């Protein structure tokens, strides 16, 4: 046993006082052109759709009469969220300090789906109107317009290096800021009440709800990227990132809605109410991002020029991005779709 400890002691001393060892694989940077330091540019085409939860308030109904009891059967209809194109632009620098790099990236997306509902009978209903307990108003034509303007700026500082012959990783950290502007409009035409016993239906006025919801936030950002290299610069790449931001909500809403009033012994009458609401609030909100896809990179001219391309699926999730200040209710926002990136180092 003493002999074993003595040999270990000699090995440690040899590492300390002997020649400087070569860098291990885990310490070697994984830049496309090894040892290159300079500027790089990125451009990305994105084809995403946005999905804001809790916007599905249009439903179809059927009315059943059982003696003096009446039953409403409501089935909520899905909003048709559609894809639209956007872009990302990035600028970075490969630093001459142990393989570290800096990178700033801007993401822009404008998504504007419109969903129209039509019915041969008046069986479309705004399900939120049922919460008041009054007689529901129905229509045969409803439309939901959703408009999202999303801008994101990510800044990070990281280092890409090998952990094995086929695996490279890049952990990074930095800051994130984003602006989310949302406009939601509901339109209801040919509005009337459901049938009343001995009276029938009562014609109402066209209704609408027009709301804007703006949020701006800033906070710390972290990310982790890994690539499994197959060979010839091709590999499977995955990335996850997250941020916790502090920001401000600004909200405005206007609406025209029908109200049913008693007729003092006569038939009920319909009046129109004009509603206006504004509010501001400060909230901390988390955000997350995930990407998975194929990546190809190649060093065209050693120490001068390299290129990289990747294609894959990306999704981003923003918690609590639609805030109802009156009811303190929240709903989440997500964007997802195709991302195609090109990069050049020079």
C-alpha atoms as a PDB file:
ATOM      1  CA  UNK A   1       0.000   0.000   0.000  1.00  0.00           C
ATOM      2  CA  UNK A   2       2.844   2.404   0.803  1.00  0.00           C
ATOM      3  CA  UNK A   3       4.289   1.709  -2.635  1.00  0.00           C
ATOM      4  CA  UNK A   4       0.973   2.619  -4.304  1.00  0.00           C
ATOM      5  CA  UNK A   5       0.745   5.971  -2.459  1.00  0.00           C
ATOM      6  CA  UNK A   6       4.377   6.708  -3.371  1.00  0.00           C
ATOM      7  CA  UNK A   7       3.681   6.152  -7.082  1.00  0.00           C
ATOM      8  CA  UNK A   8       0.611   8.403  -6.907  1.00  0.00           C
ATOM      9  CA  UNK A   9       2.717  11.097  -5.224  1.00  0.00           C
ATOM     10  CA  UNK A  10       5.285  10.915  -8.034  1.00  0.00           C
ATOM     11  CA  UNK A  11       2.546  11.200 -10.663  1.00  0.00           C
ATOM     12  CA  UNK A  12       1.097  14.330  -9.015  1.00  0.00           C
ATOM     13  CA  UNK A  13       4.519  15.925  -8.703  1.00  0.00           C
ATOM     14  CA  UNK A  14       5.207  15.150 -12.335  1.00  0.00           C
ATOM     15  CA  UNK A  15       2.040  16.992 -13.368  1.00  0.00           C
ATOM     16  CA  UNK A  16       2.893  19.989 -11.183  1.00  0.00           C
ATOM     17  CA  UNK A  17       6.569  20.402 -11.925  1.00  0.00           C
ATOM     18  CA  UNK A  18       6.841  18.757 -15.322  1.00  0.00           C
ATOM     19  CA  UNK A  19       5.981  20.072 -18.750  1.00  0.00           C
ATOM     20  CA  UNK A  20       2.674  21.947 -19.143  1.00  0.00           C
ATOM     21  CA  UNK A  21       0.029  19.379 -20.266  1.00  0.00           C
ATOM     22  CA  UNK A  22      -1.864  19.796 -23.497  1.00  0.00           C
ATOM     23  CA  UNK A  23      -5.436  21.130 -23.159  1.00  0.00           C
ATOM     24  CA  UNK A  24      -7.996  18.406 -22.592  1.00  0.00           C
ATOM     25  CA  UNK A  25     -10.790  17.839 -25.079  1.00  0.00           C
ATOM     26  CA  UNK A  26     -13.305  19.507 -22.757  1.00  0.00           C
ATOM     27  CA  UNK A  27     -11.184  22.665 -22.707  1.00  0.00           C
ATOM     28  CA  UNK A  28     -10.780  22.906 -26.495  1.00  0.00           C
ATOM     29  CA  UNK A  29     -13.073  25.409 -28.156  1.00  0.00           C
ATOM     30  CA  UNK A  30     -15.517  24.163 -30.770  1.00  0.00           C
ATOM     31  CA  UNK A  31     -15.445  27.050 -33.201  1.00  0.00           C
ATOM     32  CA  UNK A  32     -15.964  26.155 -36.840  1.00  0.00           C
ATOM     33  CA  UNK A  33     -12.494  27.503 -37.661  1.00  0.00           C
ATOM     34  CA  UNK A  34     -10.326  26.532 -34.696  1.00  0.00           C
ATOM     35  CA  UNK A  35      -8.531  29.480 -33.152  1.00  0.00           C
ATOM     36  CA  UNK A  36     -10.359  32.074 -35.251  1.00  0.00           C
ATOM     37  CA  UNK A  37     -11.310  35.403 -33.657  1.00  0.00           C
ATOM     38  CA  UNK A  38     -13.444  37.923 -35.488  1.00  0.00           C
ATOM     39  CA  UNK A  39     -16.957  39.150 -36.268  1.00  0.00           C
ATOM     40  CA  UNK A  40     -19.943  37.043 -37.337  1.00  0.00           C
ATOM     41  CA  UNK A  41     -23.413  37.849 -38.672  1.00  0.00           C
ATOM     42  CA  UNK A  42     -26.591  35.778 -38.520  1.00  0.00           C
ATOM     43  CA  UNK A  43     -29.903  36.008 -40.350  1.00  0.00           C
ATOM     44  CA  UNK A  44     -32.938  33.831 -39.724  1.00  0.00           C
ATOM     45  CA  UNK A  45     -36.252  33.284 -41.451  1.00  0.00           C
ATOM     46  CA  UNK A  46     -39.071  32.270 -39.119  1.00  0.00           C
ATOM     47  CA  UNK A  47     -42.508  30.957 -39.998  1.00  0.00           C
ATOM     48  CA  UNK A  48     -44.422  30.902 -36.723  1.00  0.00           C
ATOM     49  CA  UNK A  49     -47.937  31.059 -35.397  1.00  0.00           C
ATOM     50  CA  UNK A  50     -48.965  32.638 -32.115  1.00  0.00           C
ATOM     51  CA  UNK A  51     -51.491  31.203 -29.692  1.00  0.00           C
ATOM     52  CA  UNK A  52     -52.940  33.368 -26.941  1.00  0.00           C
ATOM     53  CA  UNK A  53     -54.985  31.282 -24.534  1.00  0.00           C
ATOM     54  CA  UNK A  54     -58.469  32.204 -23.250  1.00  0.00           C
ATOM     55  CA  UNK A  55     -59.563  33.862 -26.501  1.00  0.00           C
ATOM     56  CA  UNK A  56     -62.009  31.060 -27.371  1.00  0.00           C
ATOM     57  CA  UNK A  57     -65.193  32.714 -26.124  1.00  0.00           C
ATOM     58  CA  UNK A  58     -67.352  32.055 -29.202  1.00  0.00           C
ATOM     59  CA  UNK A  59     -69.572  28.999 -28.965  1.00  0.00           C
ATOM     60  CA  UNK A  60     -72.602  27.341 -30.477  1.00  0.00           C
ATOM     61  CA  UNK A  61     -75.642  26.605 -28.396  1.00  0.00           C
ATOM     62  CA  UNK A  62     -78.812  24.570 -28.531  1.00  0.00           C
ATOM     63  CA  UNK A  63     -81.913  25.303 -26.479  1.00  0.00           C
ATOM     64  CA  UNK A  64     -84.093  22.611 -24.974  1.00  0.00           C
ATOM     65  CA  UNK A  65     -87.448  23.179 -23.252  1.00  0.00           C
ATOM     66  CA  UNK A  66     -88.620  20.699 -20.629  1.00  0.00           C
ATOM     67  CA  UNK A  67     -91.831  21.998 -19.121  1.00  0.00           C
ATOM     68  CA  UNK A  68     -90.919  25.187 -17.266  1.00  0.00           C
ATOM     69  CA  UNK A  69     -87.187  24.340 -17.387  1.00  0.00           C
ATOM     70  CA  UNK A  70     -84.926  25.486 -20.209  1.00  0.00           C
ATOM     71  CA  UNK A  71     -81.483  24.047 -20.890  1.00  0.00           C
ATOM     72  CA  UNK A  72     -78.634  25.592 -22.868  1.00  0.00           C
ATOM     73  CA  UNK A  73     -75.971  23.293 -24.358  1.00  0.00           C
ATOM     74  CA  UNK A  74     -72.813  25.328 -25.173  1.00  0.00           C
ATOM     75  CA  UNK A  75     -69.881  24.079 -27.285  1.00  0.00           C
ATOM     76  CA  UNK A  76     -66.889  26.428 -27.516  1.00  0.00           C
ATOM     77  CA  UNK A  77     -65.343  26.908 -30.986  1.00  0.00           C
ATOM     78  CA  UNK A  78     -61.598  27.083 -31.585  1.00  0.00           C
ATOM     79  CA  UNK A  79     -59.916  30.183 -33.002  1.00  0.00           C
ATOM     80  CA  UNK A  80     -58.014  29.519 -36.231  1.00  0.00           C
ATOM     81  CA  UNK A  81     -54.494  30.675 -35.368  1.00  0.00           C
ATOM     82  CA  UNK A  82     -52.453  30.989 -38.558  1.00  0.00           C
ATOM     83  CA  UNK A  83     -48.762  31.043 -39.476  1.00  0.00           C
ATOM     84  CA  UNK A  84     -46.954  34.174 -40.628  1.00  0.00           C
ATOM     85  CA  UNK A  85     -43.352  34.980 -41.517  1.00  0.00           C
ATOM     86  CA  UNK A  86     -40.833  36.989 -39.521  1.00  0.00           C
ATOM     87  CA  UNK A  87     -37.092  37.303 -39.106  1.00  0.00           C
ATOM     88  CA  UNK A  88     -34.126  37.413 -36.749  1.00  0.00           C
ATOM     89  CA  UNK A  89     -30.938  39.445 -37.179  1.00  0.00           C
ATOM     90  CA  UNK A  90     -27.815  38.908 -35.113  1.00  0.00           C
ATOM     91  CA  UNK A  91     -24.330  40.349 -34.631  1.00  0.00           C
ATOM     92  CA  UNK A  92     -21.541  38.722 -32.651  1.00  0.00           C
ATOM     93  CA  UNK A  93     -17.847  38.544 -32.038  1.00  0.00           C
ATOM     94  CA  UNK A  94     -15.461  35.644 -31.441  1.00  0.00           C
ATOM     95  CA  UNK A  95     -13.223  36.974 -28.683  1.00  0.00           C
ATOM     96  CA  UNK A  96      -9.510  36.095 -28.530  1.00  0.00           C
ATOM     97  CA  UNK A  97      -9.906  35.061 -24.888  1.00  0.00           C
ATOM     98  CA  UNK A  98     -10.123  31.292 -24.418  1.00  0.00           C
ATOM     99  CA  UNK A  99     -12.874  30.834 -27.001  1.00  0.00           C
ATOM    100  CA  UNK A 100     -15.495  33.154 -25.493  1.00  0.00           C
ATOM    101  CA  UNK A 101     -17.953  35.020 -27.734  1.00  0.00           C
ATOM    102  CA  UNK A 102     -20.552  37.787 -27.476  1.00  0.00           C
ATOM    103  CA  UNK A 103     -23.838  37.755 -29.366  1.00  0.00           C
ATOM    104  CA  UNK A 104     -26.897  40.017 -29.686  1.00  0.00           C
ATOM    105  CA  UNK A 105     -29.985  38.923 -31.606  1.00  0.00           C
ATOM    106  CA  UNK A 106     -33.222  40.711 -32.585  1.00  0.00           C
ATOM    107  CA  UNK A 107     -36.438  38.763 -33.295  1.00  0.00           C
ATOM    108  CA  UNK A 108     -39.450  40.316 -35.037  1.00  0.00           C
ATOM    109  CA  UNK A 109     -42.834  38.680 -35.680  1.00  0.00           C
ATOM    110  CA  UNK A 110     -46.180  40.138 -36.783  1.00  0.00           C
ATOM    111  CA  UNK A 111     -49.059  37.670 -36.607  1.00  0.00           C
ATOM    112  CA  UNK A 112     -52.617  38.673 -37.557  1.00  0.00           C
ATOM    113  CA  UNK A 113     -55.102  35.776 -37.859  1.00  0.00           C
ATOM    114  CA  UNK A 114     -58.811  36.501 -38.395  1.00  0.00           C
ATOM    115  CA  UNK A 115     -61.465  33.889 -37.643  1.00  0.00           C
ATOM    116  CA  UNK A 116     -65.016  34.286 -38.950  1.00  0.00           C
ATOM    117  CA  UNK A 117     -67.977  32.230 -37.738  1.00  0.00           C
ATOM    118  CA  UNK A 118     -71.226  31.992 -39.696  1.00  0.00           C
ATOM    119  CA  UNK A 119     -74.386  30.051 -39.048  1.00  0.00           C
ATOM    120  CA  UNK A 120     -77.646  29.553 -40.914  1.00  0.00           C
ATOM    121  CA  UNK A 121     -79.433  30.008 -37.589  1.00  0.00           C
ATOM    122  CA  UNK A 122     -78.777  32.292 -34.643  1.00  0.00           C
ATOM    123  CA  UNK A 123     -76.847  29.751 -32.576  1.00  0.00           C
ATOM    124  CA  UNK A 124     -73.539  31.628 -32.022  1.00  0.00           C
ATOM    125  CA  UNK A 125     -73.043  33.037 -28.546  1.00  0.00           C
ATOM    126  CA  UNK A 126     -70.450  34.979 -26.561  1.00  0.00           C
ATOM    127  CA  UNK A 127     -69.873  32.598 -23.665  1.00  0.00           C
ATOM    128  CA  UNK A 128     -68.586  35.363 -21.377  1.00  0.00           C
ATOM    129  CA  UNK A 129     -72.041  36.954 -21.439  1.00  0.00           C
ATOM    130  CA  UNK A 130     -73.399  33.901 -19.624  1.00  0.00           C
ATOM    131  CA  UNK A 131     -71.473  34.836 -16.472  1.00  0.00           C
ATOM    132  CA  UNK A 132     -73.814  37.742 -15.755  1.00  0.00           C
ATOM    133  CA  UNK A 133     -76.813  35.469 -15.394  1.00  0.00           C
ATOM    134  CA  UNK A 134     -78.982  37.531 -17.749  1.00  0.00           C
ATOM    135  CA  UNK A 135     -80.743  36.466 -20.916  1.00  0.00           C
ATOM    136  CA  UNK A 136     -78.068  35.566 -23.471  1.00  0.00           C
ATOM    137  CA  UNK A 137     -77.808  37.353 -26.797  1.00  0.00           C
ATOM    138  CA  UNK A 138     -77.014  35.321 -29.888  1.00  0.00           C
ATOM    139  CA  UNK A 139     -75.972  35.954 -33.482  1.00  0.00           C
ATOM    140  CA  UNK A 140     -75.440  34.223 -36.809  1.00  0.00           C
ATOM    141  CA  UNK A 141     -72.237  36.115 -37.670  1.00  0.00           C
ATOM    142  CA  UNK A 142     -69.211  36.624 -35.390  1.00  0.00           C
ATOM    143  CA  UNK A 143     -65.588  37.513 -36.061  1.00  0.00           C
ATOM    144  CA  UNK A 144     -62.424  37.461 -33.938  1.00  0.00           C
ATOM    145  CA  UNK A 145     -59.372  39.474 -35.058  1.00  0.00           C
ATOM    146  CA  UNK A 146     -56.092  38.868 -33.220  1.00  0.00           C
ATOM    147  CA  UNK A 147     -53.033  41.027 -33.884  1.00  0.00           C
ATOM    148  CA  UNK A 148     -49.638  40.287 -32.301  1.00  0.00           C
ATOM    149  CA  UNK A 149     -46.462  42.366 -32.671  1.00  0.00           C
ATOM    150  CA  UNK A 150     -43.512  40.641 -30.978  1.00  0.00           C
ATOM    151  CA  UNK A 151     -39.992  42.084 -30.684  1.00  0.00           C
ATOM    152  CA  UNK A 152     -37.228  40.394 -28.691  1.00  0.00           C
ATOM    153  CA  UNK A 153     -33.599  41.342 -28.068  1.00  0.00           C
ATOM    154  CA  UNK A 154     -31.314  38.694 -26.561  1.00  0.00           C
ATOM    155  CA  UNK A 155     -27.760  39.438 -25.463  1.00  0.00           C
ATOM    156  CA  UNK A 156     -25.521  36.633 -24.266  1.00  0.00           C
ATOM    157  CA  UNK A 157     -21.924  35.781 -23.477  1.00  0.00           C
ATOM    158  CA  UNK A 158     -20.851  32.175 -23.845  1.00  0.00           C
ATOM    159  CA  UNK A 159     -18.189  29.645 -24.751  1.00  0.00           C
ATOM    160  CA  UNK A 160     -18.591  26.669 -27.074  1.00  0.00           C
ATOM    161  CA  UNK A 161     -16.354  23.693 -26.373  1.00  0.00           C
ATOM    162  CA  UNK A 162     -16.083  19.931 -26.861  1.00  0.00           C
ATOM    163  CA  UNK A 163     -17.083  17.481 -24.155  1.00  0.00           C
ATOM    164  CA  UNK A 164     -16.309  14.453 -26.340  1.00  0.00           C
ATOM    165  CA  UNK A 165     -15.281  13.640 -29.900  1.00  0.00           C
ATOM    166  CA  UNK A 166     -18.865  14.070 -31.142  1.00  0.00           C
ATOM    167  CA  UNK A 167     -20.484  16.381 -28.579  1.00  0.00           C
ATOM    168  CA  UNK A 168     -20.051  20.136 -28.210  1.00  0.00           C
ATOM    169  CA  UNK A 169     -21.919  22.451 -25.848  1.00  0.00           C
ATOM    170  CA  UNK A 170     -22.295  26.189 -25.403  1.00  0.00           C
ATOM    171  CA  UNK A 171     -23.608  27.486 -22.070  1.00  0.00           C
ATOM    172  CA  UNK A 172     -24.246  31.223 -21.985  1.00  0.00           C
ATOM    173  CA  UNK A 173     -25.837  33.979 -19.940  1.00  0.00           C
ATOM    174  CA  UNK A 174     -26.787  37.606 -20.449  1.00  0.00           C
ATOM    175  CA  UNK A 175     -29.937  39.734 -20.673  1.00  0.00           C
ATOM    176  CA  UNK A 176     -33.303  39.683 -22.418  1.00  0.00           C
ATOM    177  CA  UNK A 177     -35.864  42.344 -23.238  1.00  0.00           C
ATOM    178  CA  UNK A 178     -39.081  42.015 -25.223  1.00  0.00           C
ATOM    179  CA  UNK A 179     -42.101  44.033 -26.304  1.00  0.00           C
ATOM    180  CA  UNK A 180     -45.445  42.263 -26.797  1.00  0.00           C
ATOM    181  CA  UNK A 181     -48.248  44.291 -28.365  1.00  0.00           C
ATOM    182  CA  UNK A 182     -51.608  42.562 -28.712  1.00  0.00           C
ATOM    183  CA  UNK A 183     -54.901  43.780 -30.171  1.00  0.00           C
ATOM    184  CA  UNK A 184     -58.050  41.691 -29.891  1.00  0.00           C
ATOM    185  CA  UNK A 185     -61.362  42.581 -31.479  1.00  0.00           C
ATOM    186  CA  UNK A 186     -64.669  40.703 -31.345  1.00  0.00           C
ATOM    187  CA  UNK A 187     -67.542  41.682 -33.669  1.00  0.00           C
ATOM    188  CA  UNK A 188     -71.097  40.374 -33.478  1.00  0.00           C
ATOM    189  CA  UNK A 189     -73.669  41.237 -36.147  1.00  0.00           C
ATOM    190  CA  UNK A 190     -77.391  40.438 -36.431  1.00  0.00           C
ATOM    191  CA  UNK A 191     -77.702  40.179 -32.665  1.00  0.00           C
ATOM    192  CA  UNK A 192     -80.927  39.047 -31.022  1.00  0.00           C
ATOM    193  CA  UNK A 193     -82.097  37.376 -27.832  1.00  0.00           C
ATOM    194  CA  UNK A 194     -82.899  33.711 -27.488  1.00  0.00           C
ATOM    195  CA  UNK A 195     -86.661  33.044 -27.829  1.00  0.00           C
ATOM    196  CA  UNK A 196     -88.844  34.100 -24.890  1.00  0.00           C
ATOM    197  CA  UNK A 197     -92.083  32.222 -24.132  1.00  0.00           C
ATOM    198  CA  UNK A 198     -95.079  34.027 -25.613  1.00  0.00           C
ATOM    199  CA  UNK A 199     -92.773  36.780 -26.959  1.00  0.00           C
ATOM    200  CA  UNK A 200     -90.245  35.194 -29.292  1.00  0.00           C
ATOM    201  CA  UNK A 201     -86.934  36.888 -30.074  1.00  0.00           C
ATOM    202  CA  UNK A 202     -86.062  40.554 -29.551  1.00  0.00           C
ATOM    203  CA  UNK A 203     -83.685  42.224 -32.013  1.00  0.00           C
ATOM    204  CA  UNK A 204     -80.552  43.748 -30.511  1.00  0.00           C
ATOM    205  CA  UNK A 205     -77.760  46.059 -31.630  1.00  0.00           C
ATOM    206  CA  UNK A 206     -74.383  45.028 -33.161  1.00  0.00           C
ATOM    207  CA  UNK A 207     -71.802  44.353 -30.441  1.00  0.00           C
ATOM    208  CA  UNK A 208     -68.034  44.660 -30.363  1.00  0.00           C
ATOM    209  CA  UNK A 209     -65.072  44.452 -28.004  1.00  0.00           C
ATOM    210  CA  UNK A 210     -61.790  46.174 -28.925  1.00  0.00           C
ATOM    211  CA  UNK A 211     -58.887  45.646 -26.504  1.00  0.00           C
ATOM    212  CA  UNK A 212     -55.133  46.327 -26.535  1.00  0.00           C
ATOM    213  CA  UNK A 213     -52.607  44.712 -24.214  1.00  0.00           C
ATOM    214  CA  UNK A 214     -48.978  45.924 -24.161  1.00  0.00           C
ATOM    215  CA  UNK A 215     -46.128  44.474 -22.119  1.00  0.00           C
ATOM    216  CA  UNK A 216     -42.463  45.448 -21.957  1.00  0.00           C
ATOM    217  CA  UNK A 217     -39.990  43.611 -19.740  1.00  0.00           C
ATOM    218  CA  UNK A 218     -36.255  43.217 -19.094  1.00  0.00           C
ATOM    219  CA  UNK A 219     -34.262  40.753 -17.034  1.00  0.00           C
ATOM    220  CA  UNK A 220     -31.488  38.125 -16.840  1.00  0.00           C
ATOM    221  CA  UNK A 221     -31.177  35.449 -19.514  1.00  0.00           C
ATOM    222  CA  UNK A 222     -29.482  32.058 -19.630  1.00  0.00           C
ATOM    223  CA  UNK A 223     -29.162  29.421 -22.369  1.00  0.00           C
ATOM    224  CA  UNK A 224     -27.634  26.023 -23.061  1.00  0.00           C
ATOM    225  CA  UNK A 225     -26.899  24.696 -26.551  1.00  0.00           C
ATOM    226  CA  UNK A 226     -25.615  21.253 -27.495  1.00  0.00           C
ATOM    227  CA  UNK A 227     -24.705  19.568 -30.780  1.00  0.00           C
ATOM    228  CA  UNK A 228     -24.238  15.905 -31.602  1.00  0.00           C
ATOM    229  CA  UNK A 229     -21.881  15.817 -34.599  1.00  0.00           C
ATOM    230  CA  UNK A 230     -22.438  13.093 -37.213  1.00  0.00           C
ATOM    231  CA  UNK A 231     -19.520  14.105 -39.434  1.00  0.00           C
ATOM    232  CA  UNK A 232     -18.735  16.501 -42.308  1.00  0.00           C
ATOM    233  CA  UNK A 233     -20.014  19.382 -40.156  1.00  0.00           C
ATOM    234  CA  UNK A 234     -23.543  17.928 -39.912  1.00  0.00           C
ATOM    235  CA  UNK A 235     -25.205  17.301 -36.587  1.00  0.00           C
ATOM    236  CA  UNK A 236     -28.324  17.387 -34.453  1.00  0.00           C
ATOM    237  CA  UNK A 237     -28.540  20.626 -32.451  1.00  0.00           C
ATOM    238  CA  UNK A 238     -30.742  21.509 -29.508  1.00  0.00           C
ATOM    239  CA  UNK A 239     -31.072  24.679 -27.461  1.00  0.00           C
ATOM    240  CA  UNK A 240     -33.050  25.725 -24.395  1.00  0.00           C
ATOM    241  CA  UNK A 241     -33.115  29.152 -22.798  1.00  0.00           C
ATOM    242  CA  UNK A 242     -35.022  30.994 -20.121  1.00  0.00           C
ATOM    243  CA  UNK A 243     -35.425  34.452 -18.643  1.00  0.00           C
ATOM    244  CA  UNK A 244     -37.211  36.161 -15.784  1.00  0.00           C
ATOM    245  CA  UNK A 245     -38.158  39.742 -16.629  1.00  0.00           C
ATOM    246  CA  UNK A 246     -39.708  42.649 -14.786  1.00  0.00           C
ATOM    247  CA  UNK A 247     -42.022  44.816 -16.813  1.00  0.00           C
ATOM    248  CA  UNK A 248     -45.176  46.860 -17.204  1.00  0.00           C
ATOM    249  CA  UNK A 249     -48.635  46.119 -18.606  1.00  0.00           C
ATOM    250  CA  UNK A 250     -50.682  48.823 -20.303  1.00  0.00           C
ATOM    251  CA  UNK A 251     -54.264  47.964 -21.181  1.00  0.00           C
ATOM    252  CA  UNK A 252     -57.229  49.605 -22.853  1.00  0.00           C
ATOM    253  CA  UNK A 253     -60.628  48.198 -23.802  1.00  0.00           C
ATOM    254  CA  UNK A 254     -63.839  49.537 -25.343  1.00  0.00           C
ATOM    255  CA  UNK A 255     -67.048  47.634 -25.886  1.00  0.00           C
ATOM    256  CA  UNK A 256     -70.657  48.003 -26.949  1.00  0.00           C
ATOM    257  CA  UNK A 257     -72.958  45.404 -25.479  1.00  0.00           C
ATOM    258  CA  UNK A 258     -76.687  44.771 -25.330  1.00  0.00           C
ATOM    259  CA  UNK A 259     -78.630  44.889 -22.075  1.00  0.00           C
ATOM    260  CA  UNK A 260     -82.119  43.562 -21.497  1.00  0.00           C
ATOM    261  CA  UNK A 261     -84.435  45.659 -19.338  1.00  0.00           C
ATOM    262  CA  UNK A 262     -87.885  44.873 -17.985  1.00  0.00           C
ATOM    263  CA  UNK A 263     -90.861  46.643 -19.480  1.00  0.00           C
ATOM    264  CA  UNK A 264     -92.890  47.325 -16.269  1.00  0.00           C
ATOM    265  CA  UNK A 265     -95.431  44.696 -17.132  1.00  0.00           C
ATOM    266  CA  UNK A 266     -94.869  45.012 -20.856  1.00  0.00           C
ATOM    267  CA  UNK A 267     -92.400  43.198 -23.089  1.00  0.00           C
ATOM    268  CA  UNK A 268     -88.686  43.644 -22.254  1.00  0.00           C
ATOM    269  CA  UNK A 269     -86.595  46.115 -24.231  1.00  0.00           C
ATOM    270  CA  UNK A 270     -82.988  46.101 -25.408  1.00  0.00           C
ATOM    271  CA  UNK A 271     -80.578  48.971 -24.727  1.00  0.00           C
ATOM    272  CA  UNK A 272     -76.910  49.409 -25.641  1.00  0.00           C
ATOM    273  CA  UNK A 273     -74.139  50.057 -23.083  1.00  0.00           C
ATOM    274  CA  UNK A 274     -70.802  51.696 -23.933  1.00  0.00           C
ATOM    275  CA  UNK A 275     -67.972  50.335 -21.773  1.00  0.00           C
ATOM    276  CA  UNK A 276     -64.452  51.796 -21.426  1.00  0.00           C
ATOM    277  CA  UNK A 277     -61.647  50.354 -19.301  1.00  0.00           C
ATOM    278  CA  UNK A 278     -57.967  51.270 -18.774  1.00  0.00           C
ATOM    279  CA  UNK A 279     -55.319  49.966 -16.437  1.00  0.00           C
ATOM    280  CA  UNK A 280     -51.571  49.713 -15.771  1.00  0.00           C
ATOM    281  CA  UNK A 281     -49.690  47.147 -13.702  1.00  0.00           C
ATOM    282  CA  UNK A 282     -46.123  45.999 -13.054  1.00  0.00           C
ATOM    283  CA  UNK A 283     -45.466  42.265 -13.077  1.00  0.00           C
ATOM    284  CA  UNK A 284     -42.551  39.793 -13.132  1.00  0.00           C
ATOM    285  CA  UNK A 285     -42.948  37.274 -15.928  1.00  0.00           C
ATOM    286  CA  UNK A 286     -40.887  34.192 -16.945  1.00  0.00           C
ATOM    287  CA  UNK A 287     -40.161  33.254 -20.552  1.00  0.00           C
ATOM    288  CA  UNK A 288     -38.708  30.099 -22.109  1.00  0.00           C
ATOM    289  CA  UNK A 289     -37.445  28.982 -25.529  1.00  0.00           C
ATOM    290  CA  UNK A 290     -36.596  25.639 -27.155  1.00  0.00           C
ATOM    291  CA  UNK A 291     -35.098  24.735 -30.533  1.00  0.00           C
ATOM    292  CA  UNK A 292     -34.224  21.380 -32.102  1.00  0.00           C
ATOM    293  CA  UNK A 293     -33.038  20.757 -35.646  1.00  0.00           C
ATOM    294  CA  UNK A 294     -30.223  19.937 -38.054  1.00  0.00           C
ATOM    295  CA  UNK A 295     -27.043  22.029 -38.167  1.00  0.00           C
ATOM    296  CA  UNK A 296     -24.241  22.196 -40.760  1.00  0.00           C
ATOM    297  CA  UNK A 297     -21.041  24.230 -40.445  1.00  0.00           C
ATOM    298  CA  UNK A 298     -17.827  24.399 -42.407  1.00  0.00           C
ATOM    299  CA  UNK A 299     -14.519  26.261 -42.282  1.00  0.00           C
ATOM    300  CA  UNK A 300     -14.137  27.639 -45.818  1.00  0.00           C
ATOM    301  CA  UNK A 301     -10.795  29.426 -45.311  1.00  0.00           C
ATOM    302  CA  UNK A 302      -8.826  28.644 -42.125  1.00  0.00           C
ATOM    303  CA  UNK A 303      -8.600  31.672 -39.821  1.00  0.00           C
ATOM    304  CA  UNK A 304     -10.548  33.758 -42.358  1.00  0.00           C
ATOM    305  CA  UNK A 305     -14.002  32.540 -43.293  1.00  0.00           C
ATOM    306  CA  UNK A 306     -16.584  29.999 -42.102  1.00  0.00           C
ATOM    307  CA  UNK A 307     -20.305  29.439 -42.591  1.00  0.00           C
ATOM    308  CA  UNK A 308     -23.170  27.704 -40.798  1.00  0.00           C
ATOM    309  CA  UNK A 309     -26.768  26.752 -41.627  1.00  0.00           C
ATOM    310  CA  UNK A 310     -29.484  25.213 -39.491  1.00  0.00           C
ATOM    311  CA  UNK A 311     -33.157  24.346 -39.827  1.00  0.00           C
ATOM    312  CA  UNK A 312     -35.574  23.118 -37.211  1.00  0.00           C
ATOM    313  CA  UNK A 313     -38.570  23.615 -34.962  1.00  0.00           C
ATOM    314  CA  UNK A 314     -38.657  26.408 -32.376  1.00  0.00           C
ATOM    315  CA  UNK A 315     -41.151  27.299 -29.687  1.00  0.00           C
ATOM    316  CA  UNK A 316     -41.247  30.154 -27.187  1.00  0.00           C
ATOM    317  CA  UNK A 317     -43.537  30.467 -24.179  1.00  0.00           C
ATOM    318  CA  UNK A 318     -44.493  33.594 -22.226  1.00  0.00           C
ATOM    319  CA  UNK A 319     -46.405  33.161 -18.996  1.00  0.00           C
ATOM    320  CA  UNK A 320     -49.289  35.465 -18.029  1.00  0.00           C
ATOM    321  CA  UNK A 321     -49.193  37.692 -21.111  1.00  0.00           C
ATOM    322  CA  UNK A 322     -52.888  38.531 -21.161  1.00  0.00           C
ATOM    323  CA  UNK A 323     -53.822  40.079 -17.837  1.00  0.00           C
ATOM    324  CA  UNK A 324     -57.390  40.952 -16.890  1.00  0.00           C
ATOM    325  CA  UNK A 325     -56.884  43.621 -14.244  1.00  0.00           C
ATOM    326  CA  UNK A 326     -60.551  43.666 -13.330  1.00  0.00           C
ATOM    327  CA  UNK A 327     -60.726  39.953 -12.581  1.00  0.00           C
ATOM    328  CA  UNK A 328     -56.988  39.366 -11.975  1.00  0.00           C
ATOM    329  CA  UNK A 329     -57.124  36.546 -14.517  1.00  0.00           C
ATOM    330  CA  UNK A 330     -54.129  35.561 -16.625  1.00  0.00           C
ATOM    331  CA  UNK A 331     -53.515  33.546 -19.778  1.00  0.00           C
ATOM    332  CA  UNK A 332     -50.319  32.458 -21.510  1.00  0.00           C
ATOM    333  CA  UNK A 333     -48.854  33.221 -24.921  1.00  0.00           C
ATOM    334  CA  UNK A 334     -46.860  30.819 -27.107  1.00  0.00           C
ATOM    335  CA  UNK A 335     -45.260  31.082 -30.546  1.00  0.00           C
ATOM    336  CA  UNK A 336     -43.989  28.129 -32.563  1.00  0.00           C
ATOM    337  CA  UNK A 337     -42.924  27.041 -36.003  1.00  0.00           C
ATOM    338  CA  UNK A 338     -40.071  26.739 -38.495  1.00  0.00           C
ATOM    339  CA  UNK A 339     -36.728  28.498 -38.028  1.00  0.00           C
ATOM    340  CA  UNK A 340     -34.085  28.650 -40.768  1.00  0.00           C
ATOM    341  CA  UNK A 341     -30.722  30.257 -39.878  1.00  0.00           C
ATOM    342  CA  UNK A 342     -27.612  31.245 -41.799  1.00  0.00           C
ATOM    343  CA  UNK A 343     -24.347  32.506 -40.309  1.00  0.00           C
ATOM    344  CA  UNK A 344     -21.033  33.788 -41.658  1.00  0.00           C
ATOM    345  CA  UNK A 345     -17.813  34.383 -39.691  1.00  0.00           C
ATOM    346  CA  UNK A 346     -15.257  36.694 -41.277  1.00  0.00           C
END
